[in-house]
């Protein structure tokens, strides 16, 4: 958890705001398997290691182009290794900047 606090402090308010807006859009339904806090933490950690083009994600969301956003959010939540700060099973977000 201490690593997460350091990552959170290093994440800009703009990025956190975009992440929250993307999550709150409902592209990924929050249910017993996906909760908002876990998803937010996974995305913030992922973004710190594999920067995401959050502005493009948000713009695509506004234009109703949600297929790749859903892919990335579900994949990040499913494949993010919280202990080692990397992806499992060869997953790579479509909105990764590099």
Protein backbone atom coordinates (compact mmCIF):
# COMPACT_ATOMS: atom_id res chain seq x y z
CA UNK A 1 0.00 0.00 0.00
CA UNK A 2 2.89 2.37 0.71
CA UNK A 3 3.95 2.13 -2.94
CA UNK A 4 0.43 3.08 -3.98
CA UNK A 5 0.49 6.20 -1.83
CA UNK A 6 3.74 7.27 -3.50
CA UNK A 7 2.25 6.57 -6.93
CA UNK A 8 -0.93 8.47 -6.06
CA UNK A 9 1.06 11.51 -4.90
CA UNK A 10 3.01 11.48 -8.18
CA UNK A 11 -0.16 11.30 -10.30
CA UNK A 12 -1.47 14.65 -11.49
CA UNK A 13 -4.89 15.88 -10.42
CA UNK A 14 -5.81 16.13 -14.10
CA UNK A 15 -4.98 12.46 -14.67
CA UNK A 16 -6.91 11.38 -11.58
CA UNK A 17 -9.88 13.43 -12.76
CA UNK A 18 -9.79 11.83 -16.21
CA UNK A 19 -9.50 8.35 -14.70
CA UNK A 20 -12.51 8.99 -12.48
CA UNK A 21 -14.59 10.33 -15.37
CA UNK A 22 -13.70 7.31 -17.50
CA UNK A 23 -14.60 4.89 -14.69
CA UNK A 24 -17.83 6.72 -13.85
CA UNK A 25 -18.93 6.52 -17.50
CA UNK A 26 -20.14 2.98 -16.88
CA UNK A 27 -18.16 1.43 -19.75
CA UNK A 28 -17.28 -1.31 -17.27
CA UNK A 29 -20.24 -2.17 -15.03
CA UNK A 30 -19.39 -2.09 -11.35
CA UNK A 31 -20.55 -5.32 -9.72
CA UNK A 32 -19.42 -7.94 -7.26
CA UNK A 33 -16.40 -8.71 -9.48
CA UNK A 34 -15.38 -5.11 -10.20
CA UNK A 35 -15.53 -2.31 -7.67
CA UNK A 36 -14.72 1.32 -8.37
CA UNK A 37 -11.90 1.66 -5.84
CA UNK A 38 -10.03 -1.43 -7.06
CA UNK A 39 -10.44 -0.40 -10.69
CA UNK A 40 -9.26 3.14 -9.95
CA UNK A 41 -6.20 1.90 -8.06
CA UNK A 42 -5.33 -0.55 -10.84
CA UNK A 43 -5.57 2.15 -13.51
CA UNK A 44 -3.51 4.65 -11.51
CA UNK A 45 -0.78 2.07 -10.90
CA UNK A 46 -0.85 0.93 -14.52
CA UNK A 47 -0.63 4.54 -15.71
CA UNK A 48 2.43 5.12 -13.52
CA UNK A 49 4.30 2.23 -15.18
CA UNK A 50 2.69 2.13 -18.65
CA UNK A 51 1.44 5.66 -19.34
CA UNK A 52 -2.02 5.70 -20.87
CA UNK A 53 -3.32 8.34 -23.25
CA UNK A 54 -6.06 9.34 -20.82
CA UNK A 55 -7.06 12.43 -22.81
CA UNK A 56 -7.65 10.31 -25.95
CA UNK A 57 -9.58 7.77 -23.87
CA UNK A 58 -11.80 10.52 -22.49
CA UNK A 59 -12.28 12.09 -25.94
CA UNK A 60 -13.21 8.70 -27.42
CA UNK A 61 -15.65 8.23 -24.56
CA UNK A 62 -17.28 11.55 -25.41
CA UNK A 63 -17.58 10.40 -29.04
CA UNK A 64 -19.18 7.07 -28.03
CA UNK A 65 -16.18 5.08 -29.22
CA UNK A 66 -16.04 2.81 -26.19
CA UNK A 67 -14.90 -0.60 -27.51
CA UNK A 68 -11.20 -0.09 -26.90
CA UNK A 69 -11.87 1.70 -23.61
CA UNK A 70 -13.85 -1.28 -22.34
CA UNK A 71 -11.08 -3.59 -23.52
CA UNK A 72 -8.45 -1.60 -21.64
CA UNK A 73 -10.39 -1.15 -18.40
CA UNK A 74 -11.42 -4.80 -18.20
CA UNK A 75 -7.93 -5.94 -19.19
CA UNK A 76 -6.19 -3.69 -16.68
CA UNK A 77 -8.49 -4.90 -13.92
CA UNK A 78 -8.06 -8.54 -14.89
CA UNK A 79 -4.36 -8.66 -15.82
CA UNK A 80 -2.70 -6.09 -13.54
CA UNK A 81 -0.34 -7.82 -11.10
CA UNK A 82 -0.63 -5.60 -8.02
CA UNK A 83 2.33 -7.19 -6.31
CA UNK A 84 4.83 -6.82 -9.17
CA UNK A 85 3.37 -3.79 -10.96
CA UNK A 86 3.15 -5.42 -14.38
CA UNK A 87 0.66 -7.16 -16.64
CA UNK A 88 0.12 -10.89 -16.82
CA UNK A 89 -0.77 -13.05 -19.81
CA UNK A 90 0.81 -10.67 -22.34
CA UNK A 91 -1.93 -8.05 -21.97
CA UNK A 92 -1.18 -4.60 -23.38
CA UNK A 93 -3.63 -1.68 -23.21
CA UNK A 94 -4.66 -0.26 -26.58
CA UNK A 95 -4.32 3.24 -25.14
CA UNK A 96 -0.75 2.70 -23.94
CA UNK A 97 1.38 5.63 -25.06
CA UNK A 98 4.45 3.58 -25.89
